[in-house]
Amino acid sequence: VQLQASGGGLVQAGGSLRLSCAASERTLSRYGVTWFRQAPGQEREFVAGISRSDTNTDYTHSVKGRFTISRDNAKNTVYLQMNSLKSEDTAVYYCAARGPVAFGRTVYVGDHEYAYWGQGTQVTVSS
């Protein structure tokens, strides 16, 4: 599956952005999908993920209560709604997919678990 990440941009602290991860196939529903981010000079880190079966979501501690991951299977798209953005959220955001699997409730936080990656979208939060 090919993934296309979009929605990044420049926003002031406290603002909001919604990232989209669109799939090339009508089978994204069979994948667990996760957002990672990488800031300059730092390692890539897990941000938020949604399981293949949509029953579970997980977030890194620093974004809990501010970010929400969701998916629209009809549009083959996973979203990351980011509210109350902070300067430390500045990074390139990548979506990644794991699968296809018939069923799965686990959100995998390690980037080595994911075989399919989008190209990244830059999020810059000015303070």
Protein backbone atom coordinates (compact mmCIF):
# COMPACT_ATOMS: atom_id res chain seq x y z
CA VAL A 1 0.00 0.00 0.00
CA GLN A 2 1.20 3.51 -0.78
CA LEU A 3 0.60 6.25 1.76
CA GLN A 4 0.34 9.99 1.21
CA ALA A 5 0.67 12.25 4.23
CA SER A 6 -0.59 15.82 4.06
CA GLY A 7 -1.94 18.65 6.17
CA GLY A 8 1.20 20.00 7.74
CA GLY A 9 2.03 23.67 7.90
CA LEU A 10 3.01 26.61 10.04
CA VAL A 11 0.77 27.39 12.99
CA GLN A 12 1.05 29.47 16.13
CA ALA A 13 1.27 27.85 19.51
CA GLY A 14 -2.20 26.93 20.73
CA GLY A 15 -3.46 26.41 17.21
CA SER A 16 -4.67 23.28 15.45
CA LEU A 17 -3.86 21.20 12.40
CA ARG A 18 -5.32 18.03 10.97
CA LEU A 19 -2.98 15.63 9.25
CA SER A 20 -4.26 13.12 6.72
CA CYS A 21 -2.77 9.82 5.64
CA ALA A 22 -4.43 8.66 2.44
CA ALA A 23 -3.93 5.17 1.05
CA SER A 24 -3.65 4.15 -2.56
CA GLU A 25 -5.77 1.08 -2.02
CA ARG A 26 -9.25 0.48 -0.65
CA THR A 27 -7.78 -1.82 1.95
CA LEU A 28 -6.38 0.58 4.53
CA SER A 29 -9.02 -0.80 6.89
CA ARG A 30 -6.93 -3.99 7.05
CA TYR A 31 -3.91 -2.15 8.42
CA GLY A 32 -2.95 -0.74 11.75
CA VAL A 33 -1.87 2.84 11.15
CA THR A 34 0.42 4.99 13.23
CA TRP A 35 1.87 8.48 13.17
CA PHE A 36 5.51 9.04 14.00
CA ARG A 37 7.45 12.28 14.07
CA GLN A 38 11.06 13.31 13.83
CA ALA A 39 12.43 16.62 14.97
CA PRO A 40 15.82 17.92 13.76
CA GLY A 41 18.65 16.07 15.45
CA GLN A 42 16.32 13.67 17.20
CA GLU A 43 15.24 10.11 16.66
CA ARG A 44 11.90 9.28 15.15
CA GLU A 45 9.29 8.76 17.84
CA PHE A 46 5.84 7.25 18.12
CA VAL A 47 3.02 9.79 18.35
CA ALA A 48 -0.32 8.03 17.96
CA GLY A 49 -1.68 4.82 16.53
CA ILE A 50 -4.94 3.08 15.75
CA SER A 51 -5.27 -0.67 15.62
CA ARG A 52 -6.42 -2.60 12.58
CA SER A 53 -9.73 -3.35 14.24
CA ASP A 54 -10.26 0.26 15.34
CA THR A 55 -10.89 -0.88 18.88
CA ASN A 56 -7.72 0.56 20.30
CA THR A 57 -5.81 3.79 20.05
CA ASP A 58 -2.63 4.80 21.78
CA TYR A 59 -0.77 8.06 22.24
CA THR A 60 2.57 9.12 23.49
CA HIS A 61 2.24 10.82 26.85
CA SER A 62 3.11 14.30 25.62
CA VAL A 63 0.16 14.46 23.21
CA LYS A 64 -2.55 12.77 25.25
CA GLY A 65 -5.60 14.98 25.53
CA ARG A 66 -4.42 17.17 22.65
CA PHE A 67 -4.17 14.80 19.65
CA THR A 68 -6.79 12.42 18.32
CA ILE A 69 -6.25 9.69 15.75
CA SER A 70 -9.17 8.40 13.73
CA ARG A 71 -9.88 6.71 10.45
CA ASP A 72 -12.48 6.95 7.70
CA ASN A 73 -12.47 3.61 5.92
CA ALA A 74 -14.79 4.87 3.21
CA LYS A 75 -12.12 7.44 2.30
CA ASN A 76 -9.16 5.11 2.97
CA THR A 77 -7.74 7.80 5.20
CA VAL A 78 -6.41 8.08 8.72
CA TYR A 79 -6.41 11.45 10.43
CA LEU A 80 -4.44 13.02 13.23
CA GLN A 81 -6.25 15.97 14.75
CA MET A 82 -3.74 18.09 16.63
CA ASN A 83 -5.02 20.74 19.03
CA SER A 84 -3.30 23.03 21.50
CA LEU A 85 -0.08 22.73 19.55
CA LYS A 86 3.19 23.52 21.26
CA SER A 87 6.58 24.46 19.89
CA GLU A 88 7.88 21.03 20.90
CA ASP A 89 5.42 19.45 18.46
CA THR A 90 7.49 20.86 15.60
CA ALA A 91 8.70 17.95 13.47
CA VAL A 92 8.23 16.05 10.27
CA TYR A 93 5.25 13.76 10.75
CA TYR A 94 5.10 10.38 9.05
CA CYS A 95 2.25 7.94 8.79
CA ALA A 96 2.99 4.24 8.66
CA ALA A 97 0.92 1.11 8.11
CA ARG A 98 1.31 -2.43 9.39
CA GLY A 99 -0.47 -5.26 7.65
CA PRO A 100 -2.60 -6.37 6.00
CA VAL A 101 -4.00 -8.49 8.78
CA ALA A 102 -7.39 -10.07 9.25
CA PHE A 103 -7.75 -8.84 12.80
CA GLY A 104 -5.71 -6.91 15.31
CA ARG A 105 -6.23 -4.88 18.45
CA THR A 106 -2.62 -4.01 19.14
CA VAL A 107 -1.06 -0.64 18.47
CA TYR A 108 2.63 -1.18 17.78
CA VAL A 109 4.88 1.67 18.85
CA GLY A 110 8.16 0.57 17.32
CA ASP A 111 8.90 1.93 13.88
CA HIS A 112 10.49 -1.38 12.85
CA GLU A 113 7.01 -2.90 12.96
CA TYR A 114 5.88 -0.90 9.95
CA ALA A 115 6.66 -1.78 6.34
CA TYR A 116 4.73 1.02 4.63
CA TRP A 117 5.51 4.70 5.09
CA GLY A 118 4.26 8.00 3.78
CA GLN A 119 6.65 10.70 2.68
CA GLY A 120 6.26 12.97 5.71
CA THR A 121 4.65 16.34 6.23
CA GLN A 122 6.28 19.24 8.06
CA VAL A 123 4.58 20.71 11.11
CA THR A 124 6.06 23.92 12.47
CA VAL A 125 4.65 25.52 15.61
CA SER A 126 5.79 29.05 16.33
CA SER A 127 5.86 30.29 19.91
